[in-house]
């Protein structure tokens, strides 16, 4: 194809393919040649036809679901000659709409198994996304698939490393379940597990005791304004992150002044974590921060030691740069 796209080359595609296929064989496995590639040009044309004219389901002007090619078929050509088969034959026993909405599988014509929507145990009238609730009495944590554990942690607002092993996931879920970690309302509102983000520090926050959260406005302000709380200024930031990265600093200031920080979600908690195989008392600051251009809400965790020393290896944000130096954490 590189040779065919060369503007200085005026050789036709058929001629190029004929030249290339001369003496070639189809692969037969184990690096051995198979039958001669006698129909090479036809197969390449079918591949190109599939890439350009593959069947898709869409609604016509009357709202009826139909099959149509991604690009209009060449004039006078039928589907079976352009892509090698007629897709309408696969939909003869069922409707295109049923297949599009995944009520019936087109290959078998059989209805797909229905998975019941989980119910919020604290409010049975509310439905939850798949993965937000798992009955661990019915299915023990150790046998739940890793993909479901990731969803459970996501909807419960529990940060975990992107490359967590299955055993690490099981440990995190057990710890959060024993601590009765509540569901995260912001993440429940997303209703789409495909957005379950796990871009956080490789050093997960390994909590070894329950978190005593404080969300009272007056006491929060008193704590933040106390003399023991460090004053965050340019000198303080440079001392932690070093100089440079001015673009991140500019975006952090925009986050701060443009209303991206949901002050109503600010919480301060006291707990003990495992760090360097030791138990360390820490203060957690948690807040929800919205992204600059998307409707994604990130959870930011800022961790200080009991002596008010910032702990960067445990502080994190859900965003892709949340374990490095992101504008959400800095804001």
C-alpha atoms as a PDB file:
ATOM      1  CA  UNK A   1       0.000   0.000   0.000  1.00  0.00           C
ATOM      2  CA  UNK A   2       2.930   2.323   0.662  1.00  0.00           C
ATOM      3  CA  UNK A   3       4.086   1.822  -2.899  1.00  0.00           C
ATOM      4  CA  UNK A   4       0.533   2.308  -4.198  1.00  0.00           C
ATOM      5  CA  UNK A   5       0.173   5.639  -2.348  1.00  0.00           C
ATOM      6  CA  UNK A   6       3.456   6.935  -3.742  1.00  0.00           C
ATOM      7  CA  UNK A   7       2.463   9.828  -6.053  1.00  0.00           C
ATOM      8  CA  UNK A   8       5.416   9.120  -8.318  1.00  0.00           C
ATOM      9  CA  UNK A   9       4.183   5.577  -8.917  1.00  0.00           C
ATOM     10  CA  UNK A  10       1.479   5.314 -11.606  1.00  0.00           C
ATOM     11  CA  UNK A  11       1.089   1.538 -11.474  1.00  0.00           C
ATOM     12  CA  UNK A  12      -2.506   0.339 -10.966  1.00  0.00           C
ATOM     13  CA  UNK A  13      -3.534  -1.401  -7.736  1.00  0.00           C
ATOM     14  CA  UNK A  14      -4.444  -4.596  -9.627  1.00  0.00           C
ATOM     15  CA  UNK A  15      -1.031  -4.623 -11.271  1.00  0.00           C
ATOM     16  CA  UNK A  16       0.702  -4.051  -7.945  1.00  0.00           C
ATOM     17  CA  UNK A  17      -1.251  -6.838  -6.243  1.00  0.00           C
ATOM     18  CA  UNK A  18      -0.615  -9.221  -9.131  1.00  0.00           C
ATOM     19  CA  UNK A  19       3.097  -8.474  -8.920  1.00  0.00           C
ATOM     20  CA  UNK A  20       3.107  -8.940  -5.130  1.00  0.00           C
ATOM     21  CA  UNK A  21       1.079 -12.181  -5.164  1.00  0.00           C
ATOM     22  CA  UNK A  22       3.284 -13.818  -7.803  1.00  0.00           C
ATOM     23  CA  UNK A  23       4.856 -16.849  -6.146  1.00  0.00           C
ATOM     24  CA  UNK A  24       3.279 -16.104  -2.728  1.00  0.00           C
ATOM     25  CA  UNK A  25       1.535 -18.737  -0.598  1.00  0.00           C
ATOM     26  CA  UNK A  26      -1.095 -18.531   2.112  1.00  0.00           C
ATOM     27  CA  UNK A  27       0.304 -19.310   5.563  1.00  0.00           C
ATOM     28  CA  UNK A  28      -0.357 -22.863   6.750  1.00  0.00           C
ATOM     29  CA  UNK A  29       0.940 -22.621  10.319  1.00  0.00           C
ATOM     30  CA  UNK A  30       4.305 -23.375  11.896  1.00  0.00           C
ATOM     31  CA  UNK A  31       5.898 -20.905   9.464  1.00  0.00           C
ATOM     32  CA  UNK A  32       5.176 -23.263   6.552  1.00  0.00           C
ATOM     33  CA  UNK A  33       3.724 -22.117   3.221  1.00  0.00           C
ATOM     34  CA  UNK A  34       0.189 -23.202   2.319  1.00  0.00           C
ATOM     35  CA  UNK A  35      -1.683 -23.127  -0.948  1.00  0.00           C
ATOM     36  CA  UNK A  36      -0.619 -20.675  -3.652  1.00  0.00           C
ATOM     37  CA  UNK A  37      -2.207 -17.230  -3.248  1.00  0.00           C
ATOM     38  CA  UNK A  38      -4.179 -17.503  -6.465  1.00  0.00           C
ATOM     39  CA  UNK A  39      -7.162 -15.422  -5.274  1.00  0.00           C
ATOM     40  CA  UNK A  40      -5.070 -12.764  -3.537  1.00  0.00           C
ATOM     41  CA  UNK A  41      -6.529  -9.790  -5.440  1.00  0.00           C
ATOM     42  CA  UNK A  42     -10.129 -10.869  -4.748  1.00  0.00           C
ATOM     43  CA  UNK A  43      -9.462 -11.220  -1.014  1.00  0.00           C
ATOM     44  CA  UNK A  44      -7.759  -7.841  -0.800  1.00  0.00           C
ATOM     45  CA  UNK A  45     -10.727  -6.264  -2.584  1.00  0.00           C
ATOM     46  CA  UNK A  46     -13.123  -7.927  -0.109  1.00  0.00           C
ATOM     47  CA  UNK A  47     -11.048  -6.622   2.817  1.00  0.00           C
ATOM     48  CA  UNK A  48     -11.126  -3.126   1.371  1.00  0.00           C
ATOM     49  CA  UNK A  49     -14.867  -3.505   0.800  1.00  0.00           C
ATOM     50  CA  UNK A  50     -15.405  -4.453   4.445  1.00  0.00           C
ATOM     51  CA  UNK A  51     -13.372  -1.486   5.654  1.00  0.00           C
ATOM     52  CA  UNK A  52     -15.386   0.950   3.552  1.00  0.00           C
ATOM     53  CA  UNK A  53     -18.854  -0.635   3.270  1.00  0.00           C
ATOM     54  CA  UNK A  54     -19.308  -2.746   6.422  1.00  0.00           C
ATOM     55  CA  UNK A  55     -22.986  -3.117   7.450  1.00  0.00           C
ATOM     56  CA  UNK A  56     -24.200  -0.986  10.347  1.00  0.00           C
ATOM     57  CA  UNK A  57     -27.608  -0.623  11.990  1.00  0.00           C
ATOM     58  CA  UNK A  58     -29.286   2.783  11.740  1.00  0.00           C
ATOM     59  CA  UNK A  59     -32.712   4.385  11.686  1.00  0.00           C
ATOM     60  CA  UNK A  60     -34.222   5.643   8.464  1.00  0.00           C
ATOM     61  CA  UNK A  61     -36.320   8.808   8.065  1.00  0.00           C
ATOM     62  CA  UNK A  62     -39.411   7.012   9.412  1.00  0.00           C
ATOM     63  CA  UNK A  63     -37.564   5.794  12.529  1.00  0.00           C
ATOM     64  CA  UNK A  64     -37.394   2.180  11.313  1.00  0.00           C
ATOM     65  CA  UNK A  65     -34.210   0.252  12.070  1.00  0.00           C
ATOM     66  CA  UNK A  66     -32.416  -0.889   8.925  1.00  0.00           C
ATOM     67  CA  UNK A  67     -29.053  -2.167   7.757  1.00  0.00           C
ATOM     68  CA  UNK A  68     -26.970   0.224   5.685  1.00  0.00           C
ATOM     69  CA  UNK A  69     -23.339   0.357   4.534  1.00  0.00           C
ATOM     70  CA  UNK A  70     -20.905   2.731   6.282  1.00  0.00           C
ATOM     71  CA  UNK A  71     -20.319   4.257   2.843  1.00  0.00           C
ATOM     72  CA  UNK A  72     -22.718   3.943  -0.088  1.00  0.00           C
ATOM     73  CA  UNK A  73     -22.114   0.818  -2.161  1.00  0.00           C
ATOM     74  CA  UNK A  74     -20.585   1.344  -5.605  1.00  0.00           C
ATOM     75  CA  UNK A  75     -23.283   1.973  -8.190  1.00  0.00           C
ATOM     76  CA  UNK A  76     -24.736  -1.256  -9.546  1.00  0.00           C
ATOM     77  CA  UNK A  77     -22.922  -3.464  -6.993  1.00  0.00           C
ATOM     78  CA  UNK A  78     -24.599  -5.734  -4.443  1.00  0.00           C
ATOM     79  CA  UNK A  79     -23.395  -6.291  -0.891  1.00  0.00           C
ATOM     80  CA  UNK A  80     -22.413  -9.926  -1.417  1.00  0.00           C
ATOM     81  CA  UNK A  81     -20.009  -8.949  -4.181  1.00  0.00           C
ATOM     82  CA  UNK A  82     -18.507  -5.988  -2.314  1.00  0.00           C
ATOM     83  CA  UNK A  83     -17.953  -7.532   1.145  1.00  0.00           C
ATOM     84  CA  UNK A  84     -18.371 -11.243   0.386  1.00  0.00           C
ATOM     85  CA  UNK A  85     -21.792 -11.833   2.000  1.00  0.00           C
ATOM     86  CA  UNK A  86     -25.298 -10.419   2.261  1.00  0.00           C
ATOM     87  CA  UNK A  87     -25.845  -9.216   5.871  1.00  0.00           C
ATOM     88  CA  UNK A  88     -29.652  -9.310   5.459  1.00  0.00           C
ATOM     89  CA  UNK A  89     -29.497 -13.118   5.456  1.00  0.00           C
ATOM     90  CA  UNK A  90     -28.214 -13.047   9.056  1.00  0.00           C
ATOM     91  CA  UNK A  91     -31.156 -10.927  10.172  1.00  0.00           C
ATOM     92  CA  UNK A  92     -33.934 -12.825   8.416  1.00  0.00           C
ATOM     93  CA  UNK A  93     -35.367 -14.472  11.590  1.00  0.00           C
ATOM     94  CA  UNK A  94     -35.032 -11.400  13.838  1.00  0.00           C
ATOM     95  CA  UNK A  95     -35.399  -7.644  13.600  1.00  0.00           C
ATOM     96  CA  UNK A  96     -32.486  -5.256  13.233  1.00  0.00           C
ATOM     97  CA  UNK A  97     -33.840  -3.273  16.201  1.00  0.00           C
ATOM     98  CA  UNK A  98     -33.767  -6.300  18.532  1.00  0.00           C
ATOM     99  CA  UNK A  99     -30.180  -6.959  17.537  1.00  0.00           C
ATOM    100  CA  UNK A 100     -29.168  -3.299  17.855  1.00  0.00           C
ATOM    101  CA  UNK A 101     -30.642  -3.041  21.364  1.00  0.00           C
ATOM    102  CA  UNK A 102     -29.015  -6.401  22.225  1.00  0.00           C
ATOM    103  CA  UNK A 103     -32.314  -8.070  23.092  1.00  0.00           C
ATOM    104  CA  UNK A 104     -31.473 -10.933  20.734  1.00  0.00           C
ATOM    105  CA  UNK A 105     -28.140 -12.162  19.439  1.00  0.00           C
ATOM    106  CA  UNK A 106     -28.205 -12.093  15.643  1.00  0.00           C
ATOM    107  CA  UNK A 107     -25.932 -15.136  15.311  1.00  0.00           C
ATOM    108  CA  UNK A 108     -28.201 -17.479  17.284  1.00  0.00           C
ATOM    109  CA  UNK A 109     -31.581 -15.740  17.254  1.00  0.00           C
ATOM    110  CA  UNK A 110     -31.834 -16.432  20.987  1.00  0.00           C
ATOM    111  CA  UNK A 111     -32.600 -13.799  23.604  1.00  0.00           C
ATOM    112  CA  UNK A 112     -29.577 -12.725  25.618  1.00  0.00           C
ATOM    113  CA  UNK A 113     -29.636 -13.626  29.332  1.00  0.00           C
ATOM    114  CA  UNK A 114     -30.952 -10.772  31.453  1.00  0.00           C
ATOM    115  CA  UNK A 115     -28.946  -9.586  34.444  1.00  0.00           C
ATOM    116  CA  UNK A 116     -31.066  -7.993  37.116  1.00  0.00           C
ATOM    117  CA  UNK A 117     -30.221  -4.401  38.084  1.00  0.00           C
ATOM    118  CA  UNK A 118     -28.816  -4.214  41.661  1.00  0.00           C
ATOM    119  CA  UNK A 119     -31.001  -2.559  44.295  1.00  0.00           C
ATOM    120  CA  UNK A 120     -29.721  -0.060  46.847  1.00  0.00           C
ATOM    121  CA  UNK A 121     -29.956  -1.970  50.127  1.00  0.00           C
ATOM    122  CA  UNK A 122     -30.405   1.216  52.152  1.00  0.00           C
ATOM    123  CA  UNK A 123     -33.120   2.472  49.787  1.00  0.00           C
ATOM    124  CA  UNK A 124     -34.826  -0.414  47.923  1.00  0.00           C
ATOM    125  CA  UNK A 125     -36.646   1.992  45.600  1.00  0.00           C
ATOM    126  CA  UNK A 126     -33.331   3.042  43.983  1.00  0.00           C
ATOM    127  CA  UNK A 127     -31.447   1.041  41.371  1.00  0.00           C
ATOM    128  CA  UNK A 128     -27.650   0.915  41.247  1.00  0.00           C
ATOM    129  CA  UNK A 129     -25.190   0.424  38.366  1.00  0.00           C
ATOM    130  CA  UNK A 130     -23.799  -3.080  37.904  1.00  0.00           C
ATOM    131  CA  UNK A 131     -20.901  -3.609  40.282  1.00  0.00           C
ATOM    132  CA  UNK A 132     -21.985  -0.982  42.819  1.00  0.00           C
ATOM    133  CA  UNK A 133     -23.576  -3.640  45.037  1.00  0.00           C
ATOM    134  CA  UNK A 134     -22.360  -7.215  45.425  1.00  0.00           C
ATOM    135  CA  UNK A 135     -23.832  -9.601  47.991  1.00  0.00           C
ATOM    136  CA  UNK A 136     -20.596 -10.902  49.492  1.00  0.00           C
ATOM    137  CA  UNK A 137     -22.587 -13.276  51.711  1.00  0.00           C
ATOM    138  CA  UNK A 138     -23.841 -14.992  48.567  1.00  0.00           C
ATOM    139  CA  UNK A 139     -20.571 -14.634  46.623  1.00  0.00           C
ATOM    140  CA  UNK A 140     -17.441 -14.360  48.806  1.00  0.00           C
ATOM    141  CA  UNK A 141     -14.986 -11.607  47.866  1.00  0.00           C
ATOM    142  CA  UNK A 142     -12.267 -14.138  47.031  1.00  0.00           C
ATOM    143  CA  UNK A 143     -14.282 -15.629  44.133  1.00  0.00           C
ATOM    144  CA  UNK A 144     -15.657 -12.402  42.619  1.00  0.00           C
ATOM    145  CA  UNK A 145     -14.052 -11.614  39.204  1.00  0.00           C
ATOM    146  CA  UNK A 146     -11.403  -8.875  39.299  1.00  0.00           C
ATOM    147  CA  UNK A 147     -13.411  -6.705  36.872  1.00  0.00           C
ATOM    148  CA  UNK A 148     -16.332  -6.641  39.328  1.00  0.00           C
ATOM    149  CA  UNK A 149     -14.019  -5.828  42.244  1.00  0.00           C
ATOM    150  CA  UNK A 150     -12.677  -2.846  40.280  1.00  0.00           C
ATOM    151  CA  UNK A 151     -16.247  -1.602  39.713  1.00  0.00           C
ATOM    152  CA  UNK A 152     -17.144  -2.083  43.385  1.00  0.00           C
ATOM    153  CA  UNK A 153     -14.103  -0.064  44.479  1.00  0.00           C
ATOM    154  CA  UNK A 154     -14.883   2.613  41.898  1.00  0.00           C
ATOM    155  CA  UNK A 155     -18.490   3.108  43.003  1.00  0.00           C
ATOM    156  CA  UNK A 156     -17.402   3.163  46.650  1.00  0.00           C
ATOM    157  CA  UNK A 157     -14.808   5.876  45.962  1.00  0.00           C
ATOM    158  CA  UNK A 158     -11.853   3.724  47.028  1.00  0.00           C
ATOM    159  CA  UNK A 159      -8.583   4.694  45.286  1.00  0.00           C
ATOM    160  CA  UNK A 160      -6.402   1.851  44.073  1.00  0.00           C
ATOM    161  CA  UNK A 161      -3.399   1.509  41.728  1.00  0.00           C
ATOM    162  CA  UNK A 162      -4.059   0.991  38.033  1.00  0.00           C
ATOM    163  CA  UNK A 163      -1.906  -2.143  37.994  1.00  0.00           C
ATOM    164  CA  UNK A 164      -3.396  -3.748  41.119  1.00  0.00           C
ATOM    165  CA  UNK A 165      -3.091  -7.523  41.268  1.00  0.00           C
ATOM    166  CA  UNK A 166      -6.173  -9.592  42.003  1.00  0.00           C
ATOM    167  CA  UNK A 167      -4.946 -10.247  45.547  1.00  0.00           C
ATOM    168  CA  UNK A 168      -4.489  -6.503  46.136  1.00  0.00           C
ATOM    169  CA  UNK A 169      -8.038  -5.879  44.898  1.00  0.00           C
ATOM    170  CA  UNK A 170      -9.410  -8.557  47.231  1.00  0.00           C
ATOM    171  CA  UNK A 171      -7.516  -7.014  50.163  1.00  0.00           C
ATOM    172  CA  UNK A 172      -8.774  -3.509  49.351  1.00  0.00           C
ATOM    173  CA  UNK A 173     -12.392  -4.648  48.999  1.00  0.00           C
ATOM    174  CA  UNK A 174     -12.256  -6.630  52.259  1.00  0.00           C
ATOM    175  CA  UNK A 175     -10.837  -3.632  54.120  1.00  0.00           C
ATOM    176  CA  UNK A 176     -13.388  -1.196  52.653  1.00  0.00           C
ATOM    177  CA  UNK A 177     -16.256  -3.660  53.268  1.00  0.00           C
ATOM    178  CA  UNK A 178     -15.248  -4.178  56.893  1.00  0.00           C
ATOM    179  CA  UNK A 179     -15.077  -0.396  57.356  1.00  0.00           C
ATOM    180  CA  UNK A 180     -18.567  -0.070  55.772  1.00  0.00           C
ATOM    181  CA  UNK A 181     -17.256   2.293  53.085  1.00  0.00           C
ATOM    182  CA  UNK A 182     -20.332   4.154  51.738  1.00  0.00           C
ATOM    183  CA  UNK A 183     -21.229   4.506  48.069  1.00  0.00           C
ATOM    184  CA  UNK A 184     -19.855   7.567  46.286  1.00  0.00           C
ATOM    185  CA  UNK A 185     -22.867   9.600  45.086  1.00  0.00           C
ATOM    186  CA  UNK A 186     -20.859  11.426  42.395  1.00  0.00           C
ATOM    187  CA  UNK A 187     -19.683   8.185  40.858  1.00  0.00           C
ATOM    188  CA  UNK A 188     -23.118   6.598  41.082  1.00  0.00           C
ATOM    189  CA  UNK A 189     -24.417   9.491  38.977  1.00  0.00           C
ATOM    190  CA  UNK A 190     -22.075   8.475  36.130  1.00  0.00           C
ATOM    191  CA  UNK A 191     -23.991   5.194  35.639  1.00  0.00           C
ATOM    192  CA  UNK A 192     -21.281   3.889  33.327  1.00  0.00           C
ATOM    193  CA  UNK A 193     -18.682   1.449  34.587  1.00  0.00           C
ATOM    194  CA  UNK A 194     -16.560   1.986  31.476  1.00  0.00           C
ATOM    195  CA  UNK A 195     -15.506   5.287  33.029  1.00  0.00           C
ATOM    196  CA  UNK A 196     -14.278   3.568  36.183  1.00  0.00           C
ATOM    197  CA  UNK A 197     -10.938   5.285  36.500  1.00  0.00           C
ATOM    198  CA  UNK A 198      -8.055   3.851  38.467  1.00  0.00           C
ATOM    199  CA  UNK A 199      -5.322   6.334  37.586  1.00  0.00           C
ATOM    200  CA  UNK A 200      -3.901   6.754  41.058  1.00  0.00           C
ATOM    201  CA  UNK A 201      -0.594   6.338  42.848  1.00  0.00           C
ATOM    202  CA  UNK A 202       1.289   3.076  42.713  1.00  0.00           C
ATOM    203  CA  UNK A 203       1.412   3.433  46.520  1.00  0.00           C
ATOM    204  CA  UNK A 204      -2.199   2.910  47.462  1.00  0.00           C
ATOM    205  CA  UNK A 205      -3.539   4.338  50.727  1.00  0.00           C
ATOM    206  CA  UNK A 206      -3.426   1.229  52.903  1.00  0.00           C
ATOM    207  CA  UNK A 207      -5.700   2.207  55.780  1.00  0.00           C
ATOM    208  CA  UNK A 208      -5.256   0.074  58.895  1.00  0.00           C
ATOM    209  CA  UNK A 209      -7.963   1.720  61.006  1.00  0.00           C
ATOM    210  CA  UNK A 210     -11.305   3.387  60.427  1.00  0.00           C
ATOM    211  CA  UNK A 211     -11.384   6.970  59.168  1.00  0.00           C
ATOM    212  CA  UNK A 212     -12.890   9.572  61.502  1.00  0.00           C
ATOM    213  CA  UNK A 213     -14.300  12.036  58.969  1.00  0.00           C
ATOM    214  CA  UNK A 214     -15.248  15.592  59.870  1.00  0.00           C
ATOM    215  CA  UNK A 215     -17.392  17.551  57.412  1.00  0.00           C
ATOM    216  CA  UNK A 216     -18.630  20.306  59.705  1.00  0.00           C
ATOM    217  CA  UNK A 217     -17.993  23.685  58.073  1.00  0.00           C
ATOM    218  CA  UNK A 218     -16.995  25.691  61.150  1.00  0.00           C
ATOM    219  CA  UNK A 219     -14.607  23.103  62.556  1.00  0.00           C
ATOM    220  CA  UNK A 220     -13.114  22.578  59.081  1.00  0.00           C
ATOM    221  CA  UNK A 221     -12.325  26.276  58.768  1.00  0.00           C
ATOM    222  CA  UNK A 222     -10.907  26.350  62.287  1.00  0.00           C
ATOM    223  CA  UNK A 223      -8.629  23.434  61.439  1.00  0.00           C
ATOM    224  CA  UNK A 224      -7.494  24.922  58.120  1.00  0.00           C
ATOM    225  CA  UNK A 225      -6.798  28.308  59.730  1.00  0.00           C
ATOM    226  CA  UNK A 226      -4.924  26.901  62.713  1.00  0.00           C
ATOM    227  CA  UNK A 227      -1.239  27.722  63.163  1.00  0.00           C
ATOM    228  CA  UNK A 228      -0.336  24.028  62.791  1.00  0.00           C
ATOM    229  CA  UNK A 229      -1.639  23.963  59.208  1.00  0.00           C
ATOM    230  CA  UNK A 230       1.129  24.907  56.754  1.00  0.00           C
ATOM    231  CA  UNK A 231       0.626  28.019  54.641  1.00  0.00           C
ATOM    232  CA  UNK A 232       0.547  26.960  50.984  1.00  0.00           C
ATOM    233  CA  UNK A 233       2.433  29.507  48.884  1.00  0.00           C
ATOM    234  CA  UNK A 234       4.929  29.426  46.012  1.00  0.00           C
ATOM    235  CA  UNK A 235       7.836  28.672  48.347  1.00  0.00           C
ATOM    236  CA  UNK A 236       5.949  25.792  49.983  1.00  0.00           C
ATOM    237  CA  UNK A 237       4.957  24.301  46.596  1.00  0.00           C
ATOM    238  CA  UNK A 238       8.475  24.606  45.181  1.00  0.00           C
ATOM    239  CA  UNK A 239       9.857  22.894  48.264  1.00  0.00           C
ATOM    240  CA  UNK A 240       7.685  19.844  47.558  1.00  0.00           C
ATOM    241  CA  UNK A 241       7.455  19.660  43.766  1.00  0.00           C
ATOM    242  CA  UNK A 242      10.456  21.709  42.680  1.00  0.00           C
ATOM    243  CA  UNK A 243      10.421  24.638  40.287  1.00  0.00           C
ATOM    244  CA  UNK A 244       9.050  24.564  36.754  1.00  0.00           C
ATOM    245  CA  UNK A 245       5.808  23.033  35.457  1.00  0.00           C
ATOM    246  CA  UNK A 246       4.359  26.540  35.218  1.00  0.00           C
ATOM    247  CA  UNK A 247       1.548  25.293  32.977  1.00  0.00           C
ATOM    248  CA  UNK A 248       0.328  23.023  35.763  1.00  0.00           C
ATOM    249  CA  UNK A 249       0.536  25.904  38.238  1.00  0.00           C
ATOM    250  CA  UNK A 250      -1.484  28.147  35.909  1.00  0.00           C
ATOM    251  CA  UNK A 251      -4.175  25.490  35.459  1.00  0.00           C
ATOM    252  CA  UNK A 252      -4.286  24.904  39.228  1.00  0.00           C
ATOM    253  CA  UNK A 253      -4.970  28.594  39.814  1.00  0.00           C
ATOM    254  CA  UNK A 254      -7.729  28.484  37.181  1.00  0.00           C
ATOM    255  CA  UNK A 255      -9.246  25.449  38.941  1.00  0.00           C
ATOM    256  CA  UNK A 256      -9.156  27.420  42.193  1.00  0.00           C
ATOM    257  CA  UNK A 257     -10.749  30.649  40.954  1.00  0.00           C
ATOM    258  CA  UNK A 258     -13.150  29.141  38.391  1.00  0.00           C
ATOM    259  CA  UNK A 259     -15.312  27.067  40.699  1.00  0.00           C
ATOM    260  CA  UNK A 260     -13.896  23.612  39.934  1.00  0.00           C
ATOM    261  CA  UNK A 261     -13.478  22.789  43.629  1.00  0.00           C
ATOM    262  CA  UNK A 262     -16.676  21.565  45.279  1.00  0.00           C
ATOM    263  CA  UNK A 263     -16.166  23.064  48.734  1.00  0.00           C
ATOM    264  CA  UNK A 264     -19.251  21.250  50.042  1.00  0.00           C
ATOM    265  CA  UNK A 265     -17.442  17.915  49.591  1.00  0.00           C
ATOM    266  CA  UNK A 266     -14.383  18.974  51.624  1.00  0.00           C
ATOM    267  CA  UNK A 267     -13.742  16.553  54.475  1.00  0.00           C
ATOM    268  CA  UNK A 268     -10.896  16.124  56.930  1.00  0.00           C
ATOM    269  CA  UNK A 269     -10.290  12.723  58.437  1.00  0.00           C
ATOM    270  CA  UNK A 270      -7.935  11.151  60.924  1.00  0.00           C
ATOM    271  CA  UNK A 271      -6.739   7.592  60.467  1.00  0.00           C
ATOM    272  CA  UNK A 272      -3.711   5.319  60.548  1.00  0.00           C
ATOM    273  CA  UNK A 273      -2.052   4.003  57.408  1.00  0.00           C
ATOM    274  CA  UNK A 274       0.631   1.495  56.604  1.00  0.00           C
ATOM    275  CA  UNK A 275       3.756   3.190  55.285  1.00  0.00           C
ATOM    276  CA  UNK A 276       7.178   1.563  54.997  1.00  0.00           C
ATOM    277  CA  UNK A 277       5.851  -1.431  56.982  1.00  0.00           C
ATOM    278  CA  UNK A 278       4.956   0.875  59.881  1.00  0.00           C
ATOM    279  CA  UNK A 279       1.731   2.262  61.261  1.00  0.00           C
ATOM    280  CA  UNK A 280       1.586   6.043  60.802  1.00  0.00           C
ATOM    281  CA  UNK A 281      -1.090   8.452  62.048  1.00  0.00           C
ATOM    282  CA  UNK A 282      -2.180  10.823  59.267  1.00  0.00           C
ATOM    283  CA  UNK A 283      -4.693  13.527  58.425  1.00  0.00           C
ATOM    284  CA  UNK A 284      -6.647  13.137  55.176  1.00  0.00           C
ATOM    285  CA  UNK A 285      -8.156  16.007  53.207  1.00  0.00           C
ATOM    286  CA  UNK A 286     -10.672  14.847  50.625  1.00  0.00           C
ATOM    287  CA  UNK A 287     -12.488  16.944  48.025  1.00  0.00           C
ATOM    288  CA  UNK A 288     -14.252  16.515  44.680  1.00  0.00           C
ATOM    289  CA  UNK A 289     -12.764  18.487  41.769  1.00  0.00           C
ATOM    290  CA  UNK A 290     -14.260  18.772  38.291  1.00  0.00           C
ATOM    291  CA  UNK A 291     -12.197  18.486  35.138  1.00  0.00           C
ATOM    292  CA  UNK A 292     -11.521  21.534  32.994  1.00  0.00           C
ATOM    293  CA  UNK A 293     -13.383  20.442  29.839  1.00  0.00           C
ATOM    294  CA  UNK A 294     -15.391  17.299  30.694  1.00  0.00           C
ATOM    295  CA  UNK A 295     -18.155  16.389  33.108  1.00  0.00           C
ATOM    296  CA  UNK A 296     -15.855  14.098  35.082  1.00  0.00           C
ATOM    297  CA  UNK A 297     -15.518  14.452  38.844  1.00  0.00           C
ATOM    298  CA  UNK A 298     -12.170  13.536  40.379  1.00  0.00           C
ATOM    299  CA  UNK A 299     -11.621  12.604  44.019  1.00  0.00           C
ATOM    300  CA  UNK A 300      -8.516  14.274  45.445  1.00  0.00           C
ATOM    301  CA  UNK A 301      -6.851  12.966  48.607  1.00  0.00           C
ATOM    302  CA  UNK A 302      -4.224  15.101  50.322  1.00  0.00           C
ATOM    303  CA  UNK A 303      -2.334  13.311  53.079  1.00  0.00           C
ATOM    304  CA  UNK A 304      -0.396  14.964  55.912  1.00  0.00           C
ATOM    305  CA  UNK A 305       1.401  13.331  58.805  1.00  0.00           C
ATOM    306  CA  UNK A 306       0.216  14.043  62.350  1.00  0.00           C
ATOM    307  CA  UNK A 307       2.963  16.696  62.455  1.00  0.00           C
ATOM    308  CA  UNK A 308       1.427  18.395  59.356  1.00  0.00           C
ATOM    309  CA  UNK A 309       4.135  17.186  56.950  1.00  0.00           C
ATOM    310  CA  UNK A 310       2.833  16.620  53.403  1.00  0.00           C
ATOM    311  CA  UNK A 311       3.139  12.974  52.238  1.00  0.00           C
ATOM    312  CA  UNK A 312       3.324  13.053  48.414  1.00  0.00           C
ATOM    313  CA  UNK A 313       3.587   9.279  47.904  1.00  0.00           C
ATOM    314  CA  UNK A 314       0.126   8.791  49.431  1.00  0.00           C
ATOM    315  CA  UNK A 315      -1.564  11.972  48.182  1.00  0.00           C
ATOM    316  CA  UNK A 316      -3.346  11.423  44.895  1.00  0.00           C
ATOM    317  CA  UNK A 317      -6.030  12.346  42.407  1.00  0.00           C
ATOM    318  CA  UNK A 318      -8.134  10.109  40.129  1.00  0.00           C
ATOM    319  CA  UNK A 319      -6.842  11.857  36.985  1.00  0.00           C
ATOM    320  CA  UNK A 320      -4.132  10.341  34.704  1.00  0.00           C
ATOM    321  CA  UNK A 321      -1.421  12.516  36.322  1.00  0.00           C
ATOM    322  CA  UNK A 322      -2.810  12.096  39.827  1.00  0.00           C
ATOM    323  CA  UNK A 323       0.231  10.278  41.181  1.00  0.00           C
ATOM    324  CA  UNK A 324       2.623  12.919  39.870  1.00  0.00           C
ATOM    325  CA  UNK A 325       1.856  16.644  39.817  1.00  0.00           C
ATOM    326  CA  UNK A 326      -1.647  17.527  38.634  1.00  0.00           C
ATOM    327  CA  UNK A 327      -3.567  20.795  38.719  1.00  0.00           C
ATOM    328  CA  UNK A 328      -6.449  19.254  40.706  1.00  0.00           C
ATOM    329  CA  UNK A 329      -4.212  18.250  43.613  1.00  0.00           C
ATOM    330  CA  UNK A 330      -2.320  21.522  43.506  1.00  0.00           C
ATOM    331  CA  UNK A 331      -5.558  23.547  43.523  1.00  0.00           C
END
